Amino acid sequence: MIALIFMVVEIVGGIATNSVALLSDAVHMAADSSAYLIAVIAARMALRPATAMRTYGWARAEILAALINGGLLVALSIGLAVEAT
């Protein structure tokens, strides 16, 4: 929660001072916070038992969460690169 507060402060400061460094750190904090949230959701889903329809259970949720997190990091990196130019 503290990271999210600092992230908002860095976004405001980065926009006010036109600082790419502050904005990139705010994006880094956003990526970390979202990665934690995605991991917690996936870990809770993976605890569900296997069924006749899902014989492997929900363990693939963790793999998909990693894919989502990686895609988010790539998108944020591209956005920062565009902002820096």
C-alpha atoms as a PDB file:
ATOM      1  CA  MET A   1       0.000   0.000   0.000  1.00  0.00           C
ATOM      2  CA  ILE A   2       2.855   2.358   0.795  1.00  0.00           C
ATOM      3  CA  ALA A   3       4.373   1.654  -2.627  1.00  0.00           C
ATOM      4  CA  LEU A   4       1.136   2.752  -4.284  1.00  0.00           C
ATOM      5  CA  ILE A   5       1.141   6.032  -2.348  1.00  0.00           C
ATOM      6  CA  PHE A   6       4.735   6.734  -3.360  1.00  0.00           C
ATOM      7  CA  MET A   7       3.853   5.776  -6.924  1.00  0.00           C
ATOM      8  CA  VAL A   8       1.127   8.424  -7.052  1.00  0.00           C
ATOM      9  CA  VAL A   9       3.499  11.025  -5.578  1.00  0.00           C
ATOM     10  CA  GLU A  10       6.140  10.127  -8.173  1.00  0.00           C
ATOM     11  CA  ILE A  11       3.623  10.360 -11.013  1.00  0.00           C
ATOM     12  CA  VAL A  12       2.518  13.802  -9.878  1.00  0.00           C
ATOM     13  CA  GLY A  13       6.122  14.919  -9.383  1.00  0.00           C
ATOM     14  CA  GLY A  14       7.223  13.441 -12.699  1.00  0.00           C
ATOM     15  CA  ILE A  15       4.463  15.186 -14.616  1.00  0.00           C
ATOM     16  CA  ALA A  16       4.992  18.481 -12.765  1.00  0.00           C
ATOM     17  CA  THR A  17       8.746  18.516 -13.401  1.00  0.00           C
ATOM     18  CA  ASN A  18       8.678  16.683 -16.748  1.00  0.00           C
ATOM     19  CA  SER A  19      11.036  14.046 -15.291  1.00  0.00           C
ATOM     20  CA  VAL A  20      11.260  10.741 -17.108  1.00  0.00           C
ATOM     21  CA  ALA A  21      13.285   9.318 -14.201  1.00  0.00           C
ATOM     22  CA  LEU A  22      10.428   9.865 -11.741  1.00  0.00           C
ATOM     23  CA  LEU A  23       7.882   8.523 -14.203  1.00  0.00           C
ATOM     24  CA  SER A  24       9.976   5.425 -14.898  1.00  0.00           C
ATOM     25  CA  ASP A  25      10.320   4.734 -11.176  1.00  0.00           C
ATOM     26  CA  ALA A  26       6.561   5.150 -10.766  1.00  0.00           C
ATOM     27  CA  VAL A  27       6.022   2.653 -13.587  1.00  0.00           C
ATOM     28  CA  HIS A  28       8.473   0.298 -11.880  1.00  0.00           C
ATOM     29  CA  MET A  29       6.498   0.520  -8.640  1.00  0.00           C
ATOM     30  CA  ALA A  30       3.235  -0.037 -10.528  1.00  0.00           C
ATOM     31  CA  ALA A  31       4.699  -3.119 -12.208  1.00  0.00           C
ATOM     32  CA  ASP A  32       5.879  -4.515  -8.867  1.00  0.00           C
ATOM     33  CA  SER A  33       2.521  -3.905  -7.198  1.00  0.00           C
ATOM     34  CA  SER A  34       0.584  -5.460 -10.065  1.00  0.00           C
ATOM     35  CA  ALA A  35       2.950  -8.447 -10.150  1.00  0.00           C
ATOM     36  CA  TYR A  36       2.276  -9.103  -6.464  1.00  0.00           C
ATOM     37  CA  LEU A  37      -1.467  -8.877  -7.014  1.00  0.00           C
ATOM     38  CA  ILE A  38      -1.382 -11.167 -10.062  1.00  0.00           C
ATOM     39  CA  ALA A  39       0.776 -13.701  -8.177  1.00  0.00           C
ATOM     40  CA  VAL A  40      -1.541 -13.767  -5.158  1.00  0.00           C
ATOM     41  CA  ILE A  41      -4.618 -14.279  -7.328  1.00  0.00           C
ATOM     42  CA  ALA A  42      -2.909 -17.051  -9.317  1.00  0.00           C
ATOM     43  CA  ALA A  43      -1.647 -18.775  -6.170  1.00  0.00           C
ATOM     44  CA  ARG A  44      -5.144 -18.796  -4.700  1.00  0.00           C
ATOM     45  CA  MET A  45      -6.577 -20.158  -7.952  1.00  0.00           C
ATOM     46  CA  ALA A  46      -3.912 -22.883  -8.075  1.00  0.00           C
ATOM     47  CA  LEU A  47      -5.099 -24.206  -4.714  1.00  0.00           C
ATOM     48  CA  ARG A  48      -8.430 -25.269  -6.215  1.00  0.00           C
ATOM     49  CA  PRO A  49      -8.731 -29.050  -6.548  1.00  0.00           C
ATOM     50  CA  ALA A  50      -8.794 -30.941  -9.823  1.00  0.00           C
ATOM     51  CA  THR A  51     -12.165 -31.808 -11.348  1.00  0.00           C
ATOM     52  CA  ALA A  52     -13.321 -34.136 -14.100  1.00  0.00           C
ATOM     53  CA  MET A  53     -13.178 -31.224 -16.543  1.00  0.00           C
ATOM     54  CA  ARG A  54      -9.893 -29.814 -15.267  1.00  0.00           C
ATOM     55  CA  THR A  55      -7.834 -32.900 -14.474  1.00  0.00           C
ATOM     56  CA  TYR A  56      -4.695 -30.829 -13.900  1.00  0.00           C
ATOM     57  CA  GLY A  57      -6.599 -28.494 -11.617  1.00  0.00           C
ATOM     58  CA  TRP A  58      -5.932 -24.776 -11.692  1.00  0.00           C
ATOM     59  CA  ALA A  59      -2.118 -25.054 -11.515  1.00  0.00           C
ATOM     60  CA  ARG A  60      -1.848 -23.507 -14.981  1.00  0.00           C
ATOM     61  CA  ALA A  61      -3.116 -20.253 -13.495  1.00  0.00           C
ATOM     62  CA  GLU A  62       0.383 -19.583 -12.166  1.00  0.00           C
ATOM     63  CA  ILE A  63       1.889 -20.030 -15.629  1.00  0.00           C
ATOM     64  CA  LEU A  64      -0.687 -17.732 -17.188  1.00  0.00           C
ATOM     65  CA  ALA A  65      -0.058 -15.183 -14.439  1.00  0.00           C
ATOM     66  CA  ALA A  66       3.642 -15.182 -15.331  1.00  0.00           C
ATOM     67  CA  LEU A  67       2.727 -14.644 -18.988  1.00  0.00           C
ATOM     68  CA  ILE A  68       0.441 -11.748 -18.091  1.00  0.00           C
ATOM     69  CA  ASN A  69       3.120 -10.207 -15.880  1.00  0.00           C
ATOM     70  CA  GLY A  70       5.737 -10.522 -18.628  1.00  0.00           C
ATOM     71  CA  GLY A  71       3.413  -8.935 -21.174  1.00  0.00           C
ATOM     72  CA  LEU A  72       2.695  -6.094 -18.782  1.00  0.00           C
ATOM     73  CA  LEU A  73       6.412  -5.469 -18.281  1.00  0.00           C
ATOM     74  CA  VAL A  74       7.009  -5.386 -22.039  1.00  0.00           C
ATOM     75  CA  ALA A  75       4.117  -2.955 -22.550  1.00  0.00           C
ATOM     76  CA  LEU A  76       5.357  -0.677 -19.770  1.00  0.00           C
ATOM     77  CA  SER A  77       8.908  -0.771 -21.165  1.00  0.00           C
ATOM     78  CA  ILE A  78       7.690   0.204 -24.618  1.00  0.00           C
ATOM     79  CA  GLY A  79       5.626   3.012 -23.117  1.00  0.00           C
ATOM     80  CA  LEU A  80       8.653   4.349 -21.238  1.00  0.00           C
ATOM     81  CA  ALA A  81      10.822   4.143 -24.351  1.00  0.00           C
ATOM     82  CA  VAL A  82       8.250   6.118 -26.313  1.00  0.00           C
ATOM     83  CA  GLU A  83       7.997   8.691 -23.513  1.00  0.00           C
ATOM     84  CA  ALA A  84      11.795   9.082 -23.341  1.00  0.00           C
ATOM     85  CA  THR A  85      12.126   9.908 -27.038  1.00  0.00           C
END
